[in-house]
Amino acid sequence: MTHATEFAPGLVVQGVTPPLQLSQFGLIAFDMDSTLINIECVDEIADAAGRKAEVAAITEAAMQGVITDYKESLRQRVALLRGVPVSHMEQVLLHRMRFNPGVRELVHACRNAGLATLLVSGGFTFFADRVKAQLGIQFARANVLDIEDGVLTGRMVDQNWGDICDGAEKRRTLLEVASLLGLRPEQTIAVGDGANDLPMMEASGLSVAFHAKPSVRAQAQVAINSGGLDRLLEVVRP
């Protein structure tokens, strides 16, 4: 895309002409880690194993797109979590995980406008299920950590849709849910921050980067570089 313009301070728009209307869309899909919530869950879980720096370095490389095989990068990170107790994940949930600014406001506005909501994450259901419930999001897809005797095994559990929710699976899920709802791809919005969000962002009618990696900001139609997620409502009016 070309002709990126700063629509407002910290808000860059390219390839679309605001203001748009939420009523033009029927589904909004959100990444979770560093988009809806303030942390990368896998990094915080690794903290209990004394391996946060090691895991965080892999996470950063994957989000920047330096590591292109997301599935393998996630398997590597999860293997390093072996032996972490579920009680530590509960502590991360209670004391470290917070919703990012503007998240509740944007989800509320979308629901009021009649949009379906989807959480699609390369993270874990342990956190995604709680985020989904607290925000009232309708659909969710994420990875399942294998747990035995109250501790992580360092593996993930295959699900009926596949093994790992990577960028390709995020795209497929977005299009699958849109189809189930009778929507065209151009009636969807996709919001993310990392390289594994690009496939679903490219398939959507409106791509939104939130405090994202440079490669993601460059390709998004809307880039929110400062402020909360509800700044999308400056471009897409309720």
C-alpha atoms as a PDB file:
ATOM      1  CA  MET A   1       0.000   0.000   0.000  1.00  0.00           C
ATOM      2  CA  THR A   2       1.013   3.584  -0.518  1.00  0.00           C
ATOM      3  CA  HIS A   3       0.080   7.058   0.647  1.00  0.00           C
ATOM      4  CA  ALA A   4       0.109   6.377   4.373  1.00  0.00           C
ATOM      5  CA  THR A   5      -1.060   9.480   6.207  1.00  0.00           C
ATOM      6  CA  GLU A   6      -1.178  10.419   9.873  1.00  0.00           C
ATOM      7  CA  PHE A   7      -4.935  10.708  10.317  1.00  0.00           C
ATOM      8  CA  ALA A   8      -4.419  11.952  13.873  1.00  0.00           C
ATOM      9  CA  PRO A   9      -1.411  11.948  16.215  1.00  0.00           C
ATOM     10  CA  GLY A  10      -0.283   8.346  16.585  1.00  0.00           C
ATOM     11  CA  LEU A  11      -2.920   7.072  14.150  1.00  0.00           C
ATOM     12  CA  VAL A  12      -1.808   6.212  10.604  1.00  0.00           C
ATOM     13  CA  VAL A  13      -4.210   5.299   7.787  1.00  0.00           C
ATOM     14  CA  GLN A  14      -3.430   3.977   4.321  1.00  0.00           C
ATOM     15  CA  GLY A  15      -5.528   2.488   1.537  1.00  0.00           C
ATOM     16  CA  VAL A  16      -8.873   3.516   3.064  1.00  0.00           C
ATOM     17  CA  THR A  17     -10.691   6.818   3.370  1.00  0.00           C
ATOM     18  CA  PRO A  18     -12.121   7.569   6.822  1.00  0.00           C
ATOM     19  CA  PRO A  19     -14.543   7.843   8.347  1.00  0.00           C
ATOM     20  CA  LEU A  20     -15.809   4.309   7.826  1.00  0.00           C
ATOM     21  CA  GLN A  21     -18.834   2.897   9.661  1.00  0.00           C
ATOM     22  CA  LEU A  22     -18.913  -0.137  11.941  1.00  0.00           C
ATOM     23  CA  SER A  23     -22.184  -1.071  10.257  1.00  0.00           C
ATOM     24  CA  GLN A  24     -20.173  -1.841   7.082  1.00  0.00           C
ATOM     25  CA  PHE A  25     -18.701  -4.841   8.921  1.00  0.00           C
ATOM     26  CA  GLY A  26     -20.088  -7.976  10.521  1.00  0.00           C
ATOM     27  CA  LEU A  27     -17.113  -9.561  12.304  1.00  0.00           C
ATOM     28  CA  ILE A  28     -14.046  -8.317  14.148  1.00  0.00           C
ATOM     29  CA  ALA A  29     -11.178 -10.686  14.975  1.00  0.00           C
ATOM     30  CA  PHE A  30      -8.608  -9.938  17.664  1.00  0.00           C
ATOM     31  CA  ASP A  31      -5.201 -11.328  18.427  1.00  0.00           C
ATOM     32  CA  MET A  32      -4.796 -11.731  22.197  1.00  0.00           C
ATOM     33  CA  ASP A  33      -1.226 -11.352  23.521  1.00  0.00           C
ATOM     34  CA  SER A  34      -0.028  -7.715  23.373  1.00  0.00           C
ATOM     35  CA  THR A  35      -3.275  -6.796  21.583  1.00  0.00           C
ATOM     36  CA  LEU A  36      -6.215  -7.464  23.901  1.00  0.00           C
ATOM     37  CA  ILE A  37      -3.920  -8.022  26.888  1.00  0.00           C
ATOM     38  CA  ASN A  38      -0.694  -6.387  28.036  1.00  0.00           C
ATOM     39  CA  ILE A  39       1.579  -9.460  28.136  1.00  0.00           C
ATOM     40  CA  GLU A  40       2.961 -12.300  26.056  1.00  0.00           C
ATOM     41  CA  CYS A  41       1.660 -15.171  28.191  1.00  0.00           C
ATOM     42  CA  VAL A  42       4.325 -17.659  27.140  1.00  0.00           C
ATOM     43  CA  ASP A  43       7.063 -15.276  28.304  1.00  0.00           C
ATOM     44  CA  GLU A  44       5.431 -14.795  31.699  1.00  0.00           C
ATOM     45  CA  ILE A  45       4.912 -18.536  32.206  1.00  0.00           C
ATOM     46  CA  ALA A  46       8.600 -19.054  31.376  1.00  0.00           C
ATOM     47  CA  ASP A  47       9.491 -16.722  34.222  1.00  0.00           C
ATOM     48  CA  ALA A  48       8.643 -19.546  36.654  1.00  0.00           C
ATOM     49  CA  ALA A  49      11.181 -21.792  34.974  1.00  0.00           C
ATOM     50  CA  GLY A  50      13.885 -19.142  35.095  1.00  0.00           C
ATOM     51  CA  ARG A  51      13.809 -19.027  31.295  1.00  0.00           C
ATOM     52  CA  LYS A  52      11.951 -15.822  30.550  1.00  0.00           C
ATOM     53  CA  ALA A  53      14.831 -14.157  28.678  1.00  0.00           C
ATOM     54  CA  GLU A  54      15.410 -17.221  26.516  1.00  0.00           C
ATOM     55  CA  VAL A  55      11.717 -17.652  25.683  1.00  0.00           C
ATOM     56  CA  ALA A  56      11.114 -13.914  25.199  1.00  0.00           C
ATOM     57  CA  ALA A  57      13.934 -13.751  22.630  1.00  0.00           C
ATOM     58  CA  ILE A  58      12.246 -16.467  20.562  1.00  0.00           C
ATOM     59  CA  THR A  59       8.867 -14.736  20.945  1.00  0.00           C
ATOM     60  CA  GLU A  60      10.293 -11.412  19.744  1.00  0.00           C
ATOM     61  CA  ALA A  61      11.952 -13.028  16.728  1.00  0.00           C
ATOM     62  CA  ALA A  62       8.696 -14.767  15.810  1.00  0.00           C
ATOM     63  CA  MET A  63       6.622 -11.579  16.184  1.00  0.00           C
ATOM     64  CA  GLN A  64       9.119  -9.587  14.101  1.00  0.00           C
ATOM     65  CA  GLY A  65       8.936 -12.268  11.397  1.00  0.00           C
ATOM     66  CA  VAL A  66      12.631 -13.154  11.781  1.00  0.00           C
ATOM     67  CA  ILE A  67      11.577 -16.720  12.634  1.00  0.00           C
ATOM     68  CA  THR A  68       9.180 -17.666   9.866  1.00  0.00           C
ATOM     69  CA  ASP A  69       8.107 -21.084  11.175  1.00  0.00           C
ATOM     70  CA  TYR A  70       5.745 -20.007  13.944  1.00  0.00           C
ATOM     71  CA  LYS A  71       4.722 -23.546  14.842  1.00  0.00           C
ATOM     72  CA  GLU A  72       8.296 -24.624  15.423  1.00  0.00           C
ATOM     73  CA  SER A  73       9.074 -21.477  17.400  1.00  0.00           C
ATOM     74  CA  LEU A  74       6.090 -22.136  19.652  1.00  0.00           C
ATOM     75  CA  ARG A  75       7.032 -25.785  20.151  1.00  0.00           C
ATOM     76  CA  GLN A  76      10.523 -24.639  21.191  1.00  0.00           C
ATOM     77  CA  ARG A  77       9.113 -22.169  23.702  1.00  0.00           C
ATOM     78  CA  VAL A  78       6.542 -24.569  25.148  1.00  0.00           C
ATOM     79  CA  ALA A  79       9.222 -27.264  25.573  1.00  0.00           C
ATOM     80  CA  LEU A  80      11.085 -24.834  27.826  1.00  0.00           C
ATOM     81  CA  LEU A  81       7.994 -24.575  30.059  1.00  0.00           C
ATOM     82  CA  ARG A  82       8.173 -28.201  31.149  1.00  0.00           C
ATOM     83  CA  GLY A  83       7.681 -28.534  34.892  1.00  0.00           C
ATOM     84  CA  VAL A  84       5.997 -25.151  35.436  1.00  0.00           C
ATOM     85  CA  PRO A  85       3.060 -25.623  37.830  1.00  0.00           C
ATOM     86  CA  VAL A  86      -0.454 -24.567  36.881  1.00  0.00           C
ATOM     87  CA  SER A  87      -0.455 -22.485  40.064  1.00  0.00           C
ATOM     88  CA  HIS A  88       2.121 -20.200  38.445  1.00  0.00           C
ATOM     89  CA  MET A  89      -0.152 -19.657  35.450  1.00  0.00           C
ATOM     90  CA  GLU A  90      -2.921 -18.705  37.885  1.00  0.00           C
ATOM     91  CA  GLN A  91      -0.576 -16.114  39.393  1.00  0.00           C
ATOM     92  CA  VAL A  92       0.189 -14.699  35.927  1.00  0.00           C
ATOM     93  CA  LEU A  93      -3.535 -14.488  35.286  1.00  0.00           C
ATOM     94  CA  LEU A  94      -4.279 -12.756  38.576  1.00  0.00           C
ATOM     95  CA  HIS A  95      -1.301 -10.440  38.953  1.00  0.00           C
ATOM     96  CA  ARG A  96       0.279  -9.778  35.531  1.00  0.00           C
ATOM     97  CA  MET A  97      -2.435  -9.992  32.889  1.00  0.00           C
ATOM     98  CA  ARG A  98      -4.376  -6.797  32.249  1.00  0.00           C
ATOM     99  CA  PHE A  99      -6.576  -5.656  29.400  1.00  0.00           C
ATOM    100  CA  ASN A 100      -4.932  -3.041  27.238  1.00  0.00           C
ATOM    101  CA  PRO A 101      -6.400   0.473  27.267  1.00  0.00           C
ATOM    102  CA  GLY A 102      -9.541   0.873  25.176  1.00  0.00           C
ATOM    103  CA  VAL A 103     -10.174  -2.861  24.770  1.00  0.00           C
ATOM    104  CA  ARG A 104     -13.443  -3.010  26.685  1.00  0.00           C
ATOM    105  CA  GLU A 105     -14.677   0.157  24.987  1.00  0.00           C
ATOM    106  CA  LEU A 106     -13.951  -1.152  21.478  1.00  0.00           C
ATOM    107  CA  VAL A 107     -15.450  -4.597  22.083  1.00  0.00           C
ATOM    108  CA  HIS A 108     -18.544  -2.964  23.611  1.00  0.00           C
ATOM    109  CA  ALA A 109     -18.938  -0.609  20.630  1.00  0.00           C
ATOM    110  CA  CYS A 110     -18.564  -3.477  18.159  1.00  0.00           C
ATOM    111  CA  ARG A 111     -21.106  -5.617  19.957  1.00  0.00           C
ATOM    112  CA  ASN A 112     -23.535  -2.685  20.138  1.00  0.00           C
ATOM    113  CA  ALA A 113     -23.138  -2.206  16.381  1.00  0.00           C
ATOM    114  CA  GLY A 114     -24.066  -5.852  15.812  1.00  0.00           C
ATOM    115  CA  LEU A 115     -20.615  -7.212  14.944  1.00  0.00           C
ATOM    116  CA  ALA A 116     -19.682 -10.752  15.888  1.00  0.00           C
ATOM    117  CA  THR A 117     -16.441 -10.992  17.880  1.00  0.00           C
ATOM    118  CA  LEU A 118     -13.606 -13.497  17.534  1.00  0.00           C
ATOM    119  CA  LEU A 119     -10.455 -14.041  19.588  1.00  0.00           C
ATOM    120  CA  VAL A 120      -7.856 -15.966  17.595  1.00  0.00           C
ATOM    121  CA  SER A 121      -4.540 -16.514  19.317  1.00  0.00           C
ATOM    122  CA  GLY A 122      -1.212 -18.249  18.989  1.00  0.00           C
ATOM    123  CA  GLY A 123      -1.323 -18.235  22.783  1.00  0.00           C
ATOM    124  CA  PHE A 124      -3.142 -20.579  25.117  1.00  0.00           C
ATOM    125  CA  THR A 125      -6.729 -21.441  26.035  1.00  0.00           C
ATOM    126  CA  PHE A 126      -5.840 -21.155  29.736  1.00  0.00           C
ATOM    127  CA  PHE A 127      -5.806 -17.377  29.215  1.00  0.00           C
ATOM    128  CA  ALA A 128      -7.980 -17.073  26.092  1.00  0.00           C
ATOM    129  CA  ASP A 129     -10.993 -18.730  27.711  1.00  0.00           C
ATOM    130  CA  ARG A 130     -10.893 -16.209  30.555  1.00  0.00           C
ATOM    131  CA  VAL A 131     -10.372 -13.232  28.234  1.00  0.00           C
ATOM    132  CA  LYS A 132     -13.264 -14.419  26.075  1.00  0.00           C
ATOM    133  CA  ALA A 133     -15.565 -14.715  29.082  1.00  0.00           C
ATOM    134  CA  GLN A 134     -14.583 -11.392  30.651  1.00  0.00           C
ATOM    135  CA  LEU A 135     -15.003  -9.432  27.420  1.00  0.00           C
ATOM    136  CA  GLY A 136     -18.088 -11.283  26.216  1.00  0.00           C
ATOM    137  CA  ILE A 137     -16.374 -12.377  22.985  1.00  0.00           C
ATOM    138  CA  GLN A 138     -18.410 -14.935  21.044  1.00  0.00           C
ATOM    139  CA  PHE A 139     -15.797 -17.135  19.367  1.00  0.00           C
ATOM    140  CA  ALA A 140     -12.243 -18.117  20.302  1.00  0.00           C
ATOM    141  CA  ARG A 141      -9.455 -20.328  19.022  1.00  0.00           C
ATOM    142  CA  ALA A 142      -6.109 -20.866  20.775  1.00  0.00           C
ATOM    143  CA  ASN A 143      -3.629 -23.581  21.696  1.00  0.00           C
ATOM    144  CA  VAL A 144      -4.022 -26.095  24.527  1.00  0.00           C
ATOM    145  CA  LEU A 145      -1.129 -26.707  26.911  1.00  0.00           C
ATOM    146  CA  ASP A 146      -0.706 -30.315  28.001  1.00  0.00           C
ATOM    147  CA  ILE A 147      -0.912 -30.670  31.797  1.00  0.00           C
ATOM    148  CA  GLU A 148      -0.179 -33.723  33.922  1.00  0.00           C
ATOM    149  CA  ASP A 149      -0.386 -33.806  37.710  1.00  0.00           C
ATOM    150  CA  GLY A 150      -0.725 -30.043  37.880  1.00  0.00           C
ATOM    151  CA  VAL A 151       2.395 -29.207  35.865  1.00  0.00           C
ATOM    152  CA  LEU A 152       3.118 -28.448  32.222  1.00  0.00           C
ATOM    153  CA  THR A 153       4.611 -31.314  30.190  1.00  0.00           C
ATOM    154  CA  GLY A 154       6.277 -29.057  27.618  1.00  0.00           C
ATOM    155  CA  ARG A 155       3.838 -30.179  24.928  1.00  0.00           C
ATOM    156  CA  MET A 156       0.583 -28.987  23.379  1.00  0.00           C
ATOM    157  CA  VAL A 157      -2.583 -30.974  22.744  1.00  0.00           C
ATOM    158  CA  ASP A 158      -3.847 -31.494  19.197  1.00  0.00           C
ATOM    159  CA  GLN A 159      -7.401 -30.243  18.632  1.00  0.00           C
ATOM    160  CA  ASN A 160     -10.124 -31.215  16.174  1.00  0.00           C
ATOM    161  CA  TRP A 161      -9.157 -28.348  13.859  1.00  0.00           C
ATOM    162  CA  GLY A 162      -5.407 -29.062  13.876  1.00  0.00           C
ATOM    163  CA  ASP A 163      -2.289 -28.886  15.996  1.00  0.00           C
ATOM    164  CA  ILE A 164      -1.217 -25.252  16.480  1.00  0.00           C
ATOM    165  CA  CYS A 165      -2.962 -21.931  15.851  1.00  0.00           C
ATOM    166  CA  ASP A 166      -0.389 -20.135  13.709  1.00  0.00           C
ATOM    167  CA  GLY A 167      -0.810 -17.383  11.137  1.00  0.00           C
ATOM    168  CA  ALA A 168      -2.371 -19.690   8.546  1.00  0.00           C
ATOM    169  CA  GLU A 169      -4.845 -21.025  11.112  1.00  0.00           C
ATOM    170  CA  LYS A 170      -5.757 -17.499  12.194  1.00  0.00           C
ATOM    171  CA  ARG A 171      -6.586 -16.658   8.582  1.00  0.00           C
ATOM    172  CA  ARG A 172      -8.561 -19.872   8.122  1.00  0.00           C
ATOM    173  CA  THR A 173     -10.509 -19.270  11.330  1.00  0.00           C
ATOM    174  CA  LEU A 174     -11.394 -15.710  10.354  1.00  0.00           C
ATOM    175  CA  LEU A 175     -12.703 -16.855   6.969  1.00  0.00           C
ATOM    176  CA  GLU A 176     -14.461 -19.882   8.468  1.00  0.00           C
ATOM    177  CA  VAL A 177     -16.350 -17.827  11.053  1.00  0.00           C
ATOM    178  CA  ALA A 178     -17.199 -15.187   8.439  1.00  0.00           C
ATOM    179  CA  SER A 179     -18.600 -17.900   6.168  1.00  0.00           C
ATOM    180  CA  LEU A 180     -20.658 -19.408   8.999  1.00  0.00           C
ATOM    181  CA  LEU A 181     -22.139 -15.958   9.613  1.00  0.00           C
ATOM    182  CA  GLY A 182     -22.867 -15.420   5.909  1.00  0.00           C
ATOM    183  CA  LEU A 183     -20.295 -12.640   5.613  1.00  0.00           C
ATOM    184  CA  ARG A 184     -17.875 -11.824   2.824  1.00  0.00           C
ATOM    185  CA  PRO A 185     -14.178 -11.394   3.753  1.00  0.00           C
ATOM    186  CA  GLU A 186     -14.427  -7.676   3.056  1.00  0.00           C
ATOM    187  CA  GLN A 187     -16.993  -7.429   5.878  1.00  0.00           C
ATOM    188  CA  THR A 188     -14.385  -8.434   8.468  1.00  0.00           C
ATOM    189  CA  ILE A 189     -11.874  -6.500  10.575  1.00  0.00           C
ATOM    190  CA  ALA A 190      -8.657  -8.115  11.848  1.00  0.00           C
ATOM    191  CA  VAL A 191      -6.612  -6.602  14.677  1.00  0.00           C
ATOM    192  CA  GLY A 192      -3.097  -7.715  15.656  1.00  0.00           C
ATOM    193  CA  ASP A 193       0.470  -6.754  16.425  1.00  0.00           C
ATOM    194  CA  GLY A 194       2.812  -9.522  15.197  1.00  0.00           C
ATOM    195  CA  ALA A 195       3.927 -11.250  12.011  1.00  0.00           C
ATOM    196  CA  ASN A 196       1.637 -14.211  12.673  1.00  0.00           C
ATOM    197  CA  ASP A 197      -1.336 -11.818  12.443  1.00  0.00           C
ATOM    198  CA  LEU A 198      -0.520 -10.729   8.901  1.00  0.00           C
ATOM    199  CA  PRO A 199      -2.284 -13.632   7.111  1.00  0.00           C
ATOM    200  CA  MET A 200      -5.646 -12.844   8.736  1.00  0.00           C
ATOM    201  CA  MET A 201      -5.088  -9.119   8.346  1.00  0.00           C
ATOM    202  CA  GLU A 202      -4.449  -9.569   4.631  1.00  0.00           C
ATOM    203  CA  ALA A 203      -7.638 -11.654   4.262  1.00  0.00           C
ATOM    204  CA  SER A 204      -9.822  -9.118   6.071  1.00  0.00           C
ATOM    205  CA  GLY A 205     -11.692  -6.109   4.790  1.00  0.00           C
ATOM    206  CA  LEU A 206      -9.895  -3.833   7.243  1.00  0.00           C
ATOM    207  CA  SER A 207      -6.511  -4.573   8.818  1.00  0.00           C
ATOM    208  CA  VAL A 208      -5.581  -2.888  12.090  1.00  0.00           C
ATOM    209  CA  ALA A 209      -2.136  -2.873  13.731  1.00  0.00           C
ATOM    210  CA  PHE A 210      -2.052  -2.061  17.453  1.00  0.00           C
ATOM    211  CA  HIS A 211       1.309  -0.914  18.871  1.00  0.00           C
ATOM    212  CA  ALA A 212       2.675  -3.382  16.360  1.00  0.00           C
ATOM    213  CA  LYS A 213       6.006  -4.543  14.984  1.00  0.00           C
ATOM    214  CA  PRO A 214       7.304  -2.332  12.132  1.00  0.00           C
ATOM    215  CA  SER A 215       6.585  -4.903   9.412  1.00  0.00           C
ATOM    216  CA  VAL A 216       2.976  -5.186  10.607  1.00  0.00           C
ATOM    217  CA  ARG A 217       2.445  -1.426  10.890  1.00  0.00           C
ATOM    218  CA  ALA A 218       3.735  -1.006   7.335  1.00  0.00           C
ATOM    219  CA  GLN A 219       1.149  -3.399   5.903  1.00  0.00           C
ATOM    220  CA  ALA A 220      -1.895  -2.450   7.973  1.00  0.00           C
ATOM    221  CA  GLN A 221      -4.585  -0.103   6.712  1.00  0.00           C
ATOM    222  CA  VAL A 222      -4.911   1.403  10.185  1.00  0.00           C
ATOM    223  CA  ALA A 223      -1.947   1.592  12.575  1.00  0.00           C
ATOM    224  CA  ILE A 224      -2.647   2.657  16.157  1.00  0.00           C
ATOM    225  CA  ASN A 225       0.797   3.677  17.378  1.00  0.00           C
ATOM    226  CA  SER A 226      -0.215   5.535  20.521  1.00  0.00           C
ATOM    227  CA  GLY A 227      -3.233   5.476  22.798  1.00  0.00           C
ATOM    228  CA  GLY A 228      -5.776   2.726  23.351  1.00  0.00           C
ATOM    229  CA  LEU A 229      -7.381   0.177  21.076  1.00  0.00           C
ATOM    230  CA  ASP A 230     -10.590   2.204  21.058  1.00  0.00           C
ATOM    231  CA  ARG A 231      -8.806   4.728  18.831  1.00  0.00           C
ATOM    232  CA  LEU A 232     -10.033   2.536  15.988  1.00  0.00           C
ATOM    233  CA  LEU A 233     -13.386   4.263  16.586  1.00  0.00           C
ATOM    234  CA  GLU A 234     -11.835   7.492  15.301  1.00  0.00           C
ATOM    235  CA  VAL A 235     -11.515   5.807  11.896  1.00  0.00           C
ATOM    236  CA  VAL A 236     -14.483   3.422  12.008  1.00  0.00           C
ATOM    237  CA  ARG A 237     -17.407   5.252  13.564  1.00  0.00           C
ATOM    238  CA  PRO A 238     -20.107   3.494  15.622  1.00  0.00           C
END
